[in-house]
Amino acid sequence: MSDNIIAVMLGISTALGAFGLFALIWGIKTGQFDDVNKFLDGARFDGEDELKDAVMMEKKKQEALKRKKEREKNYMPND
C-alpha cells in the first residue's frame, strides 16, 4: 500500500473518532443519558401489558399528587 493511502486512512479514522468523542461528551453534558427510570422500567416491564400497567400507575400517581396539592391549597384550619 502507498504511504499516501495510509495517511488518508489514518486522518479519516482520527477525524471520525474525534467526532464520536465530541458527540459522547455533548450527550453527557446535555443530560441525554440521565433518564434512569427508562432503563429500569425497560428491564422491569418486558411485556406490553406490564408497560401499560406501569403507565396507568404513573398517571394515577400524578393525579393523586395533583389532588393532594389542591387539598393543601384549599386547606383552612379550624378556629
N, C-alpha and C. Protein backbone atom coordinates (compact mmCIF):
# COMPACT_ATOMS: atom_id res chain seq x y z
N MET A 1 0.83 -1.17 0.00
CA MET A 1 0.00 0.00 0.00
C MET A 1 0.88 1.24 0.00
N SER A 2 0.35 2.26 -0.56
CA SER A 2 1.07 3.51 -0.65
C SER A 2 1.00 4.27 0.68
N ASP A 3 2.03 5.05 0.93
CA ASP A 3 2.06 5.85 2.15
C ASP A 3 0.95 6.89 2.16
N ASN A 4 0.57 7.37 1.01
CA ASN A 4 -0.50 8.37 0.92
C ASN A 4 -1.84 7.78 1.35
N ILE A 5 -2.10 6.56 0.94
CA ILE A 5 -3.37 5.90 1.30
C ILE A 5 -3.44 5.68 2.80
N ILE A 6 -2.33 5.23 3.38
CA ILE A 6 -2.29 5.01 4.83
C ILE A 6 -2.48 6.33 5.58
N ALA A 7 -1.89 7.39 5.11
CA ALA A 7 -2.04 8.70 5.76
C ALA A 7 -3.48 9.17 5.68
N VAL A 8 -4.13 8.97 4.53
CA VAL A 8 -5.53 9.38 4.37
C VAL A 8 -6.42 8.54 5.29
N MET A 9 -6.19 7.24 5.35
CA MET A 9 -6.98 6.36 6.21
C MET A 9 -6.81 6.74 7.69
N LEU A 10 -5.60 7.03 8.11
CA LEU A 10 -5.37 7.45 9.48
C LEU A 10 -6.05 8.79 9.78
N GLY A 11 -5.98 9.70 8.85
CA GLY A 11 -6.62 11.01 9.04
C GLY A 11 -8.13 10.89 9.16
N ILE A 12 -8.73 10.11 8.28
CA ILE A 12 -10.18 9.95 8.31
C ILE A 12 -10.63 9.22 9.58
N SER A 13 -9.92 8.16 9.96
CA SER A 13 -10.30 7.43 11.16
C SER A 13 -10.12 8.28 12.42
N THR A 14 -9.09 9.11 12.46
CA THR A 14 -8.90 10.01 13.59
C THR A 14 -10.01 11.05 13.65
N ALA A 15 -10.39 11.58 12.50
CA ALA A 15 -11.48 12.57 12.46
C ALA A 15 -12.79 11.95 12.91
N LEU A 16 -13.09 10.73 12.46
CA LEU A 16 -14.33 10.06 12.87
C LEU A 16 -14.31 9.75 14.37
N GLY A 17 -13.18 9.33 14.88
CA GLY A 17 -13.06 9.07 16.32
C GLY A 17 -13.25 10.33 17.13
N ALA A 18 -12.67 11.43 16.68
CA ALA A 18 -12.83 12.71 17.37
C ALA A 18 -14.28 13.17 17.34
N PHE A 19 -14.95 12.97 16.21
CA PHE A 19 -16.37 13.33 16.10
C PHE A 19 -17.21 12.49 17.06
N GLY A 20 -16.93 11.19 17.15
CA GLY A 20 -17.66 10.32 18.08
C GLY A 20 -17.43 10.72 19.52
N LEU A 21 -16.20 11.06 19.87
CA LEU A 21 -15.90 11.50 21.23
C LEU A 21 -16.60 12.82 21.54
N PHE A 22 -16.60 13.74 20.59
CA PHE A 22 -17.30 15.02 20.76
C PHE A 22 -18.79 14.78 20.98
N ALA A 23 -19.39 13.88 20.20
CA ALA A 23 -20.83 13.60 20.34
C ALA A 23 -21.13 12.97 21.70
N LEU A 24 -20.25 12.09 22.19
CA LEU A 24 -20.45 11.48 23.50
C LEU A 24 -20.36 12.52 24.61
N ILE A 25 -19.37 13.38 24.55
CA ILE A 25 -19.21 14.42 25.57
C ILE A 25 -20.39 15.38 25.54
N TRP A 26 -20.85 15.74 24.35
CA TRP A 26 -22.01 16.62 24.23
C TRP A 26 -23.24 15.96 24.85
N GLY A 27 -23.44 14.68 24.59
CA GLY A 27 -24.59 13.96 25.14
C GLY A 27 -24.55 13.89 26.66
N ILE A 28 -23.38 13.72 27.22
CA ILE A 28 -23.25 13.65 28.68
C ILE A 28 -23.51 15.02 29.29
N LYS A 29 -22.95 16.08 28.68
CA LYS A 29 -23.12 17.43 29.24
C LYS A 29 -24.56 17.91 29.15
N THR A 30 -25.30 17.53 28.12
CA THR A 30 -26.68 17.99 27.97
C THR A 30 -27.68 17.09 28.65
N GLY A 31 -27.21 16.01 29.30
CA GLY A 31 -28.12 15.17 30.08
C GLY A 31 -28.90 14.16 29.25
N GLN A 32 -28.38 13.75 28.12
CA GLN A 32 -29.09 12.80 27.27
C GLN A 32 -29.18 11.41 27.90
N PHE A 33 -28.31 11.11 28.84
CA PHE A 33 -28.26 9.77 29.45
C PHE A 33 -28.74 9.78 30.89
N ASP A 34 -29.47 10.81 31.31
CA ASP A 34 -29.87 10.95 32.70
C ASP A 34 -31.19 10.29 33.05
N ASP A 35 -31.88 9.67 32.11
CA ASP A 35 -33.18 9.07 32.37
C ASP A 35 -33.01 7.66 32.94
N VAL A 36 -32.81 7.58 34.25
CA VAL A 36 -32.57 6.29 34.90
C VAL A 36 -33.83 5.44 34.88
N ASN A 37 -34.99 6.06 35.07
CA ASN A 37 -36.24 5.29 35.11
C ASN A 37 -36.51 4.56 33.81
N LYS A 38 -36.12 5.13 32.70
CA LYS A 38 -36.36 4.49 31.41
C LYS A 38 -35.66 3.14 31.34
N PHE A 39 -34.42 3.09 31.79
CA PHE A 39 -33.67 1.85 31.74
C PHE A 39 -34.21 0.84 32.75
N LEU A 40 -34.55 1.32 33.95
CA LEU A 40 -35.08 0.41 34.97
C LEU A 40 -36.44 -0.13 34.57
N ASP A 41 -37.31 0.74 34.06
CA ASP A 41 -38.64 0.28 33.63
C ASP A 41 -38.54 -0.64 32.44
N GLY A 42 -37.60 -0.40 31.55
CA GLY A 42 -37.42 -1.27 30.39
C GLY A 42 -37.02 -2.67 30.80
N ALA A 43 -36.22 -2.78 31.84
CA ALA A 43 -35.80 -4.10 32.32
C ALA A 43 -36.89 -4.76 33.15
N ARG A 44 -37.64 -3.95 33.88
CA ARG A 44 -38.65 -4.50 34.78
C ARG A 44 -39.92 -4.91 34.05
N PHE A 45 -40.36 -4.13 33.08
CA PHE A 45 -41.61 -4.37 32.38
C PHE A 45 -41.31 -4.80 30.95
N ASP A 46 -41.17 -6.10 30.76
CA ASP A 46 -40.83 -6.62 29.45
C ASP A 46 -42.00 -6.61 28.48
N GLY A 47 -43.17 -7.00 28.96
CA GLY A 47 -44.31 -7.15 28.07
C GLY A 47 -45.08 -5.86 27.89
N GLU A 48 -45.96 -5.87 26.91
CA GLU A 48 -46.76 -4.69 26.61
C GLU A 48 -47.78 -4.42 27.71
N ASP A 49 -48.36 -5.49 28.27
CA ASP A 49 -49.34 -5.31 29.34
C ASP A 49 -48.72 -4.72 30.59
N GLU A 50 -47.52 -5.18 30.94
CA GLU A 50 -46.84 -4.64 32.11
C GLU A 50 -46.50 -3.16 31.91
N LEU A 51 -46.11 -2.81 30.69
CA LEU A 51 -45.78 -1.42 30.40
C LEU A 51 -47.02 -0.54 30.48
N LYS A 52 -48.16 -1.03 29.98
CA LYS A 52 -49.41 -0.27 30.08
C LYS A 52 -49.81 -0.08 31.54
N ASP A 53 -49.64 -1.14 32.34
CA ASP A 53 -49.95 -1.03 33.76
C ASP A 53 -49.05 0.01 34.44
N ALA A 54 -47.78 0.02 34.08
CA ALA A 54 -46.85 0.99 34.66
C ALA A 54 -47.23 2.41 34.29
N VAL A 55 -47.63 2.62 33.05
CA VAL A 55 -48.04 3.96 32.61
C VAL A 55 -49.31 4.38 33.35
N MET A 56 -50.26 3.45 33.50
CA MET A 56 -51.50 3.75 34.19
C MET A 56 -51.23 4.08 35.66
N MET A 57 -50.32 3.35 36.29
CA MET A 57 -49.98 3.63 37.69
C MET A 57 -49.29 4.99 37.82
N GLU A 58 -48.46 5.34 36.86
CA GLU A 58 -47.80 6.65 36.88
C GLU A 58 -48.82 7.77 36.75
N LYS A 59 -49.82 7.58 35.89
CA LYS A 59 -50.88 8.59 35.76
C LYS A 59 -51.66 8.73 37.06
N LYS A 60 -51.96 7.60 37.70
CA LYS A 60 -52.69 7.65 38.96
C LYS A 60 -51.87 8.38 40.02
N LYS A 61 -50.58 8.14 40.03
CA LYS A 61 -49.71 8.80 41.00
C LYS A 61 -49.70 10.31 40.76
N GLN A 62 -49.64 10.73 39.49
CA GLN A 62 -49.66 12.16 39.18
C GLN A 62 -50.98 12.79 39.58
N GLU A 63 -52.09 12.08 39.34
CA GLU A 63 -53.40 12.61 39.71
C GLU A 63 -53.52 12.72 41.23
N ALA A 64 -53.01 11.75 41.97
CA ALA A 64 -53.06 11.79 43.43
C ALA A 64 -52.25 12.97 43.95
N LEU A 65 -51.08 13.22 43.38
CA LEU A 65 -50.28 14.37 43.79
C LEU A 65 -51.00 15.68 43.48
N LYS A 66 -51.67 15.71 42.35
CA LYS A 66 -52.42 16.91 41.97
C LYS A 66 -53.57 17.16 42.95
N ARG A 67 -54.30 16.09 43.32
CA ARG A 67 -55.40 16.23 44.28
C ARG A 67 -54.86 16.65 45.64
N LYS A 68 -53.72 16.12 46.03
CA LYS A 68 -53.13 16.47 47.33
C LYS A 68 -52.75 17.95 47.35
N LYS A 69 -52.18 18.44 46.27
CA LYS A 69 -51.82 19.86 46.20
C LYS A 69 -53.06 20.74 46.27
N GLU A 70 -54.14 20.30 45.61
CA GLU A 70 -55.38 21.07 45.65
C GLU A 70 -55.94 21.12 47.07
N ARG A 71 -55.90 19.99 47.78
CA ARG A 71 -56.40 19.96 49.15
C ARG A 71 -55.55 20.86 50.04
N GLU A 72 -54.23 20.82 49.85
CA GLU A 72 -53.35 21.67 50.66
C GLU A 72 -53.57 23.14 50.34
N LYS A 73 -53.87 23.41 49.10
CA LYS A 73 -54.10 24.79 48.66
C LYS A 73 -55.39 25.34 49.28
N ASN A 74 -56.41 24.51 49.38
CA ASN A 74 -57.71 24.94 49.89
C ASN A 74 -57.86 24.69 51.39
N TYR A 75 -56.81 24.31 52.07
CA TYR A 75 -56.87 23.98 53.48
C TYR A 75 -57.10 25.23 54.31
N MET A 76 -58.06 25.11 55.22
CA MET A 76 -58.32 26.21 56.17
C MET A 76 -58.36 25.60 57.55
N PRO A 77 -57.52 26.08 58.47
CA PRO A 77 -57.52 25.48 59.82
C PRO A 77 -58.78 25.85 60.60
N ASN A 78 -59.09 25.01 61.59
CA ASN A 78 -60.24 25.29 62.44
C ASN A 78 -59.98 26.50 63.34
N ASP A 79 -61.04 27.21 63.64
CA ASP A 79 -60.90 28.38 64.52
C ASP A 79 -60.93 27.99 65.95
